[in-house]
Protein backbone atom coordinates (compact mmCIF):
# COMPACT_ATOMS: atom_id res chain seq x y z
CA MET A 1 -28.81 42.79 30.68
CA ASN A 2 -27.39 39.43 29.64
CA ILE A 3 -26.39 37.39 32.70
CA LEU A 4 -24.18 34.32 33.14
CA ILE A 5 -24.61 32.29 36.35
CA LEU A 6 -21.76 29.91 37.19
CA GLY A 7 -22.66 26.68 38.99
CA SER A 8 -24.94 23.65 38.80
CA GLY A 9 -26.78 23.22 42.11
CA GLY A 10 -29.95 24.21 43.92
CA ARG A 11 -28.45 27.59 44.74
CA GLU A 12 -27.97 28.36 41.04
CA HIS A 13 -31.50 27.18 40.21
CA ALA A 14 -32.82 29.57 42.89
CA PHE A 15 -30.75 32.43 41.39
CA ALA A 16 -32.04 31.62 37.88
CA TRP A 17 -35.65 31.43 39.12
CA LYS A 18 -35.36 34.81 40.85
CA LEU A 19 -33.34 36.64 38.17
CA SER A 20 -35.80 35.49 35.48
CA GLN A 21 -38.44 37.66 37.23
CA SER A 22 -36.43 40.87 36.66
CA LYS A 23 -37.58 43.41 34.09
CA LYS A 24 -33.90 44.24 33.54
CA LEU A 25 -33.03 40.73 32.33
CA GLY A 26 -32.19 40.16 28.67
CA LYS A 27 -30.77 36.66 28.17
CA LEU A 28 -29.88 34.28 31.00
CA PHE A 29 -27.22 31.57 30.75
CA ILE A 30 -26.15 29.02 33.37
CA ALA A 31 -22.81 27.17 33.20
CA PRO A 32 -23.10 24.24 33.51
CA GLY A 33 -26.58 24.37 35.13
CA ASN A 34 -28.95 21.44 35.69
CA ALA A 35 -32.32 20.15 34.48
CA GLY A 36 -34.16 22.86 36.46
CA THR A 37 -32.09 25.88 35.44
CA SER A 38 -32.90 25.19 31.78
CA ASP A 39 -36.51 26.25 32.49
CA PHE A 40 -35.31 29.83 33.07
CA GLY A 41 -32.33 30.22 30.76
CA THR A 42 -29.89 28.37 28.53
CA ASN A 43 -27.52 25.82 30.03
CA VAL A 44 -23.95 26.00 28.74
CA ALA A 45 -21.55 23.04 28.94
CA ILE A 46 -18.70 24.98 30.56
CA ALA A 47 -17.14 24.20 33.95
CA ALA A 48 -17.30 27.10 36.43
CA THR A 49 -13.50 26.92 36.86
CA ASP A 50 -12.63 26.91 33.14
CA PHE A 51 -11.85 30.64 33.02
CA GLU A 52 -10.70 30.76 29.38
CA ALA A 53 -13.91 29.06 28.20
CA VAL A 54 -15.94 31.44 30.38
CA LYS A 55 -14.11 34.42 28.81
CA LYS A 56 -14.81 33.21 25.26
CA PHE A 57 -18.50 32.69 26.07
CA VAL A 58 -18.86 36.07 27.82
CA ILE A 59 -17.40 37.94 24.82
CA GLU A 60 -19.30 35.99 22.16
CA ASN A 61 -22.65 36.36 23.96
CA GLN A 62 -22.27 39.98 25.10
CA ILE A 63 -22.63 39.07 28.78
CA ASN A 64 -23.11 42.13 31.03
CA MET A 65 -22.65 40.46 34.43
CA VAL A 66 -21.35 37.18 35.88
CA VAL A 67 -22.94 35.77 39.05
CA VAL A 68 -20.69 33.21 40.76
CA GLY A 69 -22.58 30.54 42.70
CA PRO A 70 -19.95 28.17 44.21
CA GLU A 71 -16.81 28.99 46.16
CA ASP A 72 -14.27 27.14 43.99
CA PRO A 73 -14.02 29.66 41.09
CA LEU A 74 -13.87 32.53 43.62
CA VAL A 75 -11.03 30.97 45.62
CA LYS A 76 -9.25 30.23 42.31
CA GLY A 77 -9.56 33.92 41.35
CA ILE A 78 -12.21 34.31 38.66
CA HIS A 79 -12.90 37.92 39.73
CA ASP A 80 -9.16 38.76 39.46
CA PHE A 81 -9.07 37.03 36.05
CA PHE A 82 -11.79 39.40 34.81
CA LEU A 83 -10.14 42.51 36.29
CA ALA A 84 -6.78 41.64 34.68
CA ASP A 85 -8.29 41.21 31.20
CA ALA A 86 -8.78 44.29 28.98
CA GLN A 87 -11.90 42.78 27.38
CA LEU A 88 -13.50 41.68 30.64
CA LYS A 89 -12.46 44.22 33.27
CA ASN A 90 -15.65 46.32 33.03
CA ILE A 91 -18.01 43.36 33.40
CA PRO A 92 -19.19 43.10 37.02
CA VAL A 93 -18.53 39.81 38.80
CA ILE A 94 -20.78 39.08 41.79
CA GLY A 95 -18.35 37.44 44.18
CA PRO A 96 -15.12 38.59 45.89
CA GLN A 97 -11.60 38.70 44.50
CA LYS A 98 -9.13 35.96 45.45
CA VAL A 99 -7.81 37.64 48.61
CA GLY A 100 -11.34 38.21 49.96
CA ALA A 101 -12.29 34.64 49.03
CA GLN A 102 -9.64 33.47 51.52
CA LEU A 103 -12.27 34.12 54.21
CA GLU A 104 -13.62 30.76 53.05
CA GLY A 105 -10.62 29.36 51.21
CA SER A 106 -8.44 29.32 54.34
CA LYS A 107 -9.83 28.65 57.83
CA ASP A 108 -6.57 29.98 59.28
CA PHE A 109 -6.84 33.25 57.31
CA SER A 110 -10.44 33.77 58.43
CA LYS A 111 -9.68 33.09 62.12
CA GLN A 112 -6.74 35.52 62.03
CA PHE A 113 -9.02 38.12 60.38
CA MET A 114 -11.63 37.66 63.13
CA PHE A 115 -9.04 38.08 65.88
CA ARG A 116 -7.53 41.16 64.21
CA HIS A 117 -10.93 42.87 64.10
CA ASN A 118 -12.27 41.69 67.48
CA ILE A 119 -15.04 39.62 65.93
CA PRO A 120 -16.38 37.13 68.52
CA THR A 121 -15.27 33.58 67.71
CA ALA A 122 -13.85 30.44 69.32
CA ARG A 123 -10.28 30.18 70.67
CA TYR A 124 -8.07 28.32 68.18
CA GLU A 125 -4.57 27.25 67.06
CA THR A 126 -3.34 26.17 63.61
CA PHE A 127 -1.00 23.23 63.03
CA THR A 128 0.89 21.57 60.17
CA LYS A 129 2.50 18.16 59.71
CA ASP A 130 5.70 19.59 61.25
CA THR A 131 3.86 20.81 64.37
CA LEU A 132 1.67 17.71 64.84
CA ALA A 133 3.19 17.04 68.30
CA GLN A 134 2.20 20.55 69.48
CA GLY A 135 -1.27 20.00 68.02
CA LEU A 136 -1.72 16.81 70.01
CA LYS A 137 -0.68 18.72 73.16
CA PHE A 138 -3.07 21.60 72.37
CA LEU A 139 -5.97 19.12 72.19
CA GLU A 140 -5.21 18.23 75.82
CA THR A 141 -5.95 21.84 76.87
CA LEU A 142 -9.50 21.73 75.46
CA GLU A 143 -12.72 20.24 76.77
CA PRO A 144 -14.51 17.66 74.56
CA PRO A 145 -15.96 17.61 71.97
CA TYR A 146 -13.14 18.84 69.72
CA VAL A 147 -13.42 20.80 66.46
CA LEU A 148 -10.86 20.05 63.73
CA LYS A 149 -11.06 21.97 60.45
CA ALA A 150 -9.07 21.38 57.28
CA ASP A 151 -7.64 24.78 56.37
CA GLY A 152 -8.52 24.57 52.66
CA LEU A 153 -11.64 23.73 50.68
CA ALA A 154 -12.85 20.16 51.16
CA ALA A 155 -16.31 20.29 49.54
CA GLY A 156 -18.01 21.02 52.86
CA LYS A 157 -16.63 17.85 54.45
CA GLY A 158 -13.39 19.16 56.00
CA VAL A 159 -14.74 19.64 59.53
CA VAL A 160 -14.73 16.78 62.05
CA ILE A 161 -15.97 16.89 65.63
CA PRO A 162 -14.51 13.96 67.63
CA LEU A 163 -16.15 13.32 71.00
CA THR A 164 -13.10 11.92 72.84
CA LEU A 165 -9.48 13.03 73.19
CA LEU A 166 -8.30 9.68 71.81
CA ASP A 167 -10.44 10.07 68.66
CA ALA A 168 -9.38 13.72 68.27
CA LYS A 169 -5.69 12.78 68.35
CA ALA A 170 -6.25 9.99 65.84
CA GLU A 171 -8.22 12.32 63.56
CA LEU A 172 -5.57 15.09 63.73
CA THR A 173 -2.89 12.54 62.83
CA GLU A 174 -5.01 11.30 59.88
CA MET A 175 -5.55 14.85 58.60
CA LEU A 176 -1.96 16.09 58.95
CA ALA A 177 0.30 13.07 58.66
CA ASN A 178 -1.85 11.01 56.27
CA ALA A 179 -3.44 13.87 54.24
CA LYS A 180 -7.00 12.68 54.88
CA PHE A 181 -8.39 15.66 52.93
CA GLY A 182 -5.44 15.96 50.56
CA ALA A 183 -3.88 19.43 50.24
CA ALA A 184 -6.88 20.93 52.08
CA SER A 185 -5.62 19.46 55.38
CA ALA A 186 -1.94 20.40 54.99
CA LYS A 187 -2.91 22.85 57.74
CA VAL A 188 -5.53 22.08 60.39
CA VAL A 189 -7.30 24.58 62.63
CA ILE A 190 -8.25 23.23 66.07
CA GLU A 191 -10.99 25.20 67.84
CA GLU A 192 -12.76 25.09 71.14
CA PHE A 193 -16.28 23.71 70.74
CA LEU A 194 -19.03 26.32 70.97
CA LYS A 195 -22.25 25.19 72.64
CA GLY A 196 -25.46 26.76 71.42
CA ILE A 197 -27.80 26.80 68.41
CA GLU A 198 -26.39 27.37 64.94
CA LEU A 199 -27.78 29.73 62.34
CA SER A 200 -26.59 31.60 59.28
CA VAL A 201 -26.86 35.29 58.46
CA PHE A 202 -26.25 36.45 54.89
CA VAL A 203 -25.00 39.82 53.73
CA LEU A 204 -24.86 41.30 50.24
CA THR A 205 -22.24 44.06 49.96
CA ASP A 206 -20.70 46.37 47.36
CA GLY A 207 -17.66 46.83 49.62
CA ASN A 208 -19.05 49.87 51.41
CA SER A 209 -22.77 49.50 52.06
CA TYR A 210 -24.61 46.25 52.66
CA LYS A 211 -28.03 44.61 52.88
CA ILE A 212 -28.72 42.02 55.57
CA LEU A 213 -30.60 39.15 53.91
CA PRO A 214 -33.01 36.86 55.79
CA SER A 215 -31.49 34.54 58.40
CA ALA A 216 -31.64 30.76 57.94
CA LYS A 217 -30.80 27.54 59.74
CA ASP A 218 -29.62 24.49 57.85
CA TYR A 219 -29.35 20.85 58.84
CA LYS A 220 -25.99 19.27 58.07
CA ARG A 221 -26.23 15.68 59.31
CA ILE A 222 -27.67 12.91 57.15
CA GLY A 223 -29.67 11.29 59.97
CA GLU A 224 -32.69 12.48 61.92
CA GLY A 225 -31.94 13.98 65.30
CA ASP A 226 -28.73 15.41 63.78
CA THR A 227 -26.97 12.04 63.65
CA GLY A 228 -24.64 10.40 61.14
CA LEU A 229 -22.26 11.90 58.63
CA ASN A 230 -22.06 15.56 57.62
CA THR A 231 -23.61 16.46 54.27
CA GLY A 232 -23.80 19.59 52.13
CA GLY A 233 -27.14 20.28 53.85
CA MET A 234 -30.44 18.41 54.28
CA GLY A 235 -32.85 21.32 54.64
CA ALA A 236 -33.26 24.90 55.79
CA ILE A 237 -35.66 27.20 57.65
CA SER A 238 -35.96 30.96 57.14
CA PRO A 239 -36.35 33.07 59.22
CA VAL A 240 -34.85 31.49 62.33
CA PRO A 241 -37.47 32.05 65.06
CA PHE A 242 -34.98 32.99 67.81
CA ALA A 243 -33.07 35.41 65.56
CA ASP A 244 -35.27 38.36 66.45
CA GLU A 245 -34.58 42.04 65.79
CA ASN A 246 -32.49 42.34 68.96
CA PHE A 247 -30.27 39.35 68.08
CA ILE A 248 -29.76 40.51 64.46
CA LYS A 249 -28.82 43.98 65.78
CA LYS A 250 -26.07 42.32 67.88
CA VAL A 251 -24.90 40.40 64.78
CA GLU A 252 -24.80 43.64 62.79
CA GLU A 253 -22.89 45.61 65.44
CA ARG A 254 -20.48 42.88 66.56
CA VAL A 255 -19.94 40.93 63.34
CA ILE A 256 -21.20 42.54 60.11
CA ILE A 257 -19.91 46.10 60.61
CA PRO A 258 -16.47 44.96 61.90
CA THR A 259 -16.23 42.51 58.96
CA ILE A 260 -17.02 45.11 56.26
CA THR A 261 -14.82 47.71 58.02
CA GLY A 262 -11.98 45.20 58.46
CA LEU A 263 -12.01 44.29 54.77
CA LYS A 264 -11.82 47.98 53.82
CA GLN A 265 -9.01 48.64 56.35
CA GLU A 266 -7.00 45.79 54.86
CA GLY A 267 -7.53 47.10 51.32
CA ILE A 268 -9.67 44.10 50.33
CA THR A 269 -12.31 45.11 47.76
CA TYR A 270 -15.28 42.83 48.42
CA LYS A 271 -18.32 42.69 46.11
CA GLY A 272 -20.74 39.84 46.69
CA PHE A 273 -22.21 37.67 49.41
CA ILE A 274 -20.80 37.06 52.88
CA PHE A 275 -22.28 34.02 54.60
CA ILE A 276 -21.74 34.21 58.35
CA GLY A 277 -22.10 30.90 60.18
CA LEU A 278 -23.01 31.75 63.77
CA MET A 279 -23.58 30.14 67.12
CA ASN A 280 -26.20 31.70 69.37
CA MET A 281 -24.64 31.37 72.82
CA ASN A 282 -27.18 32.56 75.41
CA GLY A 283 -28.36 35.34 73.11
CA ASN A 284 -24.87 36.37 71.98
CA PRO A 285 -23.51 35.63 68.48
CA LYS A 286 -20.14 33.96 67.93
CA VAL A 287 -18.78 33.33 64.44
CA ILE A 288 -18.11 29.72 63.47
CA GLU A 289 -17.06 30.45 59.89
CA TYR A 290 -17.36 32.70 56.88
CA ASN A 291 -18.35 31.56 53.42
CA VAL A 292 -17.91 33.86 50.45
CA ARG A 293 -21.07 32.83 48.63
CA MET A 294 -24.64 31.89 49.49
CA GLY A 295 -25.12 28.58 51.27
CA ASP A 296 -26.95 25.64 49.77
CA PRO A 297 -29.74 24.74 50.70
CA GLU A 298 -30.15 28.02 52.62
CA THR A 299 -30.34 29.93 49.31
CA GLU A 300 -33.46 27.98 48.37
CA ALA A 301 -35.18 29.28 51.54
CA VAL A 302 -33.67 32.80 51.60
CA ILE A 303 -33.87 33.95 47.95
CA PRO A 304 -37.64 33.27 47.57
CA ARG A 305 -38.23 35.55 50.58
CA ILE A 306 -36.53 38.53 48.86
CA LYS A 307 -39.30 40.62 47.29
CA SER A 308 -36.93 43.12 45.65
CA ASP A 309 -35.50 42.72 42.15
CA LEU A 310 -32.35 40.61 42.65
CA LEU A 311 -30.78 41.81 39.40
CA ASP A 312 -31.28 45.42 40.50
CA LEU A 313 -29.50 44.59 43.78
CA PHE A 314 -26.65 42.87 41.89
CA GLU A 315 -26.34 45.94 39.66
CA GLY A 316 -25.92 48.00 42.86
CA VAL A 317 -23.16 45.63 44.00
CA GLY A 318 -21.39 45.92 40.65
CA ASN A 319 -21.41 49.72 40.41
CA GLY A 320 -21.22 50.61 44.11
CA THR A 321 -24.78 51.94 44.47
CA LEU A 322 -26.24 49.23 46.71
CA HIS A 323 -27.13 51.85 49.34
CA GLU A 324 -29.57 53.42 46.85
CA LYS A 325 -31.48 50.18 46.25
CA THR A 326 -34.75 49.34 48.00
CA PHE A 327 -34.77 46.03 49.83
CA GLU A 328 -37.93 44.25 50.90
CA VAL A 329 -38.41 40.82 52.48
CA ASP A 330 -41.47 38.56 52.63
CA THR A 331 -42.45 38.13 56.29
CA ARG A 332 -43.67 34.55 55.75
CA PHE A 333 -41.64 31.44 56.60
CA ALA A 334 -39.89 29.52 53.83
CA THR A 335 -38.85 25.93 54.51
CA THR A 336 -36.66 23.73 52.34
CA VAL A 337 -36.48 19.93 52.48
CA MET A 338 -33.67 18.29 50.51
CA LEU A 339 -34.25 14.99 48.72
CA VAL A 340 -31.00 13.06 48.37
CA ALA A 341 -29.74 9.92 46.65
CA GLY A 342 -29.66 6.64 48.57
CA GLY A 343 -26.21 6.14 50.10
CA TYR A 344 -25.35 9.88 50.13
CA PRO A 345 -23.02 11.34 51.48
CA GLU A 346 -21.02 8.20 50.71
CA GLU A 347 -21.34 6.24 47.46
CA TYR A 348 -24.61 6.73 45.61
CA GLU A 349 -26.14 5.96 42.23
CA LYS A 350 -26.69 8.48 39.44
CA GLY A 351 -28.95 8.23 36.41
CA ASN A 352 -32.20 7.22 38.12
CA GLU A 353 -35.32 8.72 36.55
CA ILE A 354 -37.18 11.34 38.62
CA THR A 355 -40.98 11.57 38.34
CA GLY A 356 -43.78 13.49 40.01
CA PHE A 357 -42.82 17.09 39.24
CA ASP A 358 -46.30 17.60 37.75
CA LYS A 359 -47.84 16.59 41.12
CA VAL A 360 -46.01 19.28 43.13
CA VAL A 361 -48.57 21.78 44.48
CA ASP A 362 -47.88 25.02 46.37
CA SER A 363 -44.11 24.46 46.54
CA ILE A 364 -41.08 25.16 44.36
CA ALA A 365 -38.94 22.17 43.37
CA PHE A 366 -35.41 23.53 43.00
CA HIS A 367 -33.15 21.11 41.14
CA ALA A 368 -29.71 20.36 42.62
CA GLY A 369 -28.21 17.12 41.28
CA THR A 370 -30.27 16.56 38.12
CA LYS A 371 -29.78 16.46 34.37
CA LYS A 372 -31.89 15.87 31.27
CA GLU A 373 -31.52 12.65 29.29
CA GLY A 374 -33.80 12.96 26.27
CA ASN A 375 -37.29 13.58 27.67
CA LYS A 376 -36.36 12.26 31.10
CA ILE A 377 -34.94 14.04 34.13
CA VAL A 378 -32.48 11.84 36.04
CA THR A 379 -30.45 12.06 39.24
CA ASN A 380 -26.95 13.47 38.77
CA GLY A 381 -25.66 14.15 42.29
CA GLY A 382 -25.96 13.32 45.98
CA ARG A 383 -28.42 16.10 46.75
CA VAL A 384 -31.12 15.87 44.10
CA ILE A 385 -34.10 18.20 44.69
CA ALA A 386 -34.82 20.96 47.23
CA ILE A 387 -38.52 21.45 47.99
CA THR A 388 -39.29 24.98 49.20
CA SER A 389 -42.66 26.18 50.54
CA PHE A 390 -44.09 29.32 52.10
CA GLY A 391 -46.34 29.47 55.15
CA ASP A 392 -47.57 32.00 57.69
CA THR A 393 -46.08 29.65 60.29
CA MET A 394 -43.06 27.37 60.08
CA GLU A 395 -45.34 24.35 60.65
CA GLU A 396 -47.59 25.31 57.73
CA ALA A 397 -44.61 25.72 55.38
CA LEU A 398 -43.07 22.42 56.52
CA LYS A 399 -46.34 20.57 56.00
CA LYS A 400 -46.35 21.64 52.32
CA SER A 401 -42.66 20.78 51.83
CA PHE A 402 -43.04 17.30 53.33
CA ALA A 403 -46.24 16.61 51.34
CA ASN A 404 -44.47 17.48 48.09
CA ALA A 405 -41.35 15.53 49.10
CA GLU A 406 -43.60 12.47 48.97
CA ARG A 407 -44.90 13.34 45.48
CA ILE A 408 -41.49 13.31 43.80
CA ASN A 409 -40.05 9.86 43.24
CA TYR A 410 -36.84 8.19 42.15
CA LYS A 411 -35.01 5.03 43.17
CA GLY A 412 -33.30 5.44 46.57
CA LYS A 413 -34.99 8.72 47.54
CA TYR A 414 -34.29 9.81 51.11
CA TYR A 415 -35.05 12.94 53.12
CA ARG A 416 -35.08 13.96 56.76
CA LYS A 417 -38.56 14.19 58.26
CA ASP A 418 -37.43 16.18 61.32
CA ILE A 419 -36.36 19.46 59.66
CA GLY A 420 -37.43 22.33 61.94
CA ASN A 421 -38.26 20.11 64.94
CA ASP A 422 -35.55 21.74 67.07
CA LEU A 423 -37.09 25.18 66.49
CA LYS A 424 -40.66 24.31 67.51
């Protein structure tokens, strides 16, 4: 099979790395890809949201399946675009159609969906510029801290958690009246704050059956001790030690089954990943959010733990035979440490040469924000490299990841040295 992966980050490098191991793979293409993905396939200079260019490439290169990495093309309807085209409609797209992608594309849609299907989540209300006054009053009914979420996509930065009522009111005004996140915050969801430990559970589904992928915990804040600004993610641990069989069973019964059933009841055909962001509240799961794709950097810790043929699983998603596929997971820990550019998540430099890949031992260096310039590999994003390692214990895996984080060098390199500390 000839496969096209859409996207350019660490998640897509992990997909390319894993798919390249499949006996079923013919040619592999990544659009636009990065310096790492080119080791496993051919990078193509096409944006993931340029649907016409994707169509042309798919037809000319006899692509048999498209794997969508990021959320943007899904929310914009790439799956629908394929289904509506006579030449493309029989090519499986791994990722939901536009209506299903609203689980991530609209916080309001996803909260309403959860309430309709009795999926445990935080109490909430949604407000617009016209109902700002009611929003300010609603904040007064909640205990601090406060959770404010831009309804639309804001590149992972649309959630703010003010600690005081004064700050929350100022933030809500900024988001609604002053369009802090542009069109994404034309609507804002205000939620009660859930206290507990966060984790993510990932599901791969063909719309009827599903496979529960390994759990993971990521680290969003730039600073150690979970301080500073939110980022796209600074590291990940899989499995999450407290997410034992009993806890995952609760997640399956209370969240996964009602989610899959709810989508079917509402006539939403869903083929792809469902990322469920959870809070463990005294042993009980509550949903914080859905994403309609794999997380990043969680993918870099989760995908290496899947022993089964990923392309075989994707084939099952595409043709509705996922229930027939074997699914096996490595019992070892995988830990990912993200190396980022100095200044990230605010302004940062690009184009700095990266060295030391040849010194990496016993870890996988997944590229995120990189590109090739001649014979050099240079930084090309805020999150640059994800270092993933296996270990029989979390500590053993982390030791390898941190050792190799030191071996890779570029100007301004930064990484958190406390990944996993809260789980020890």
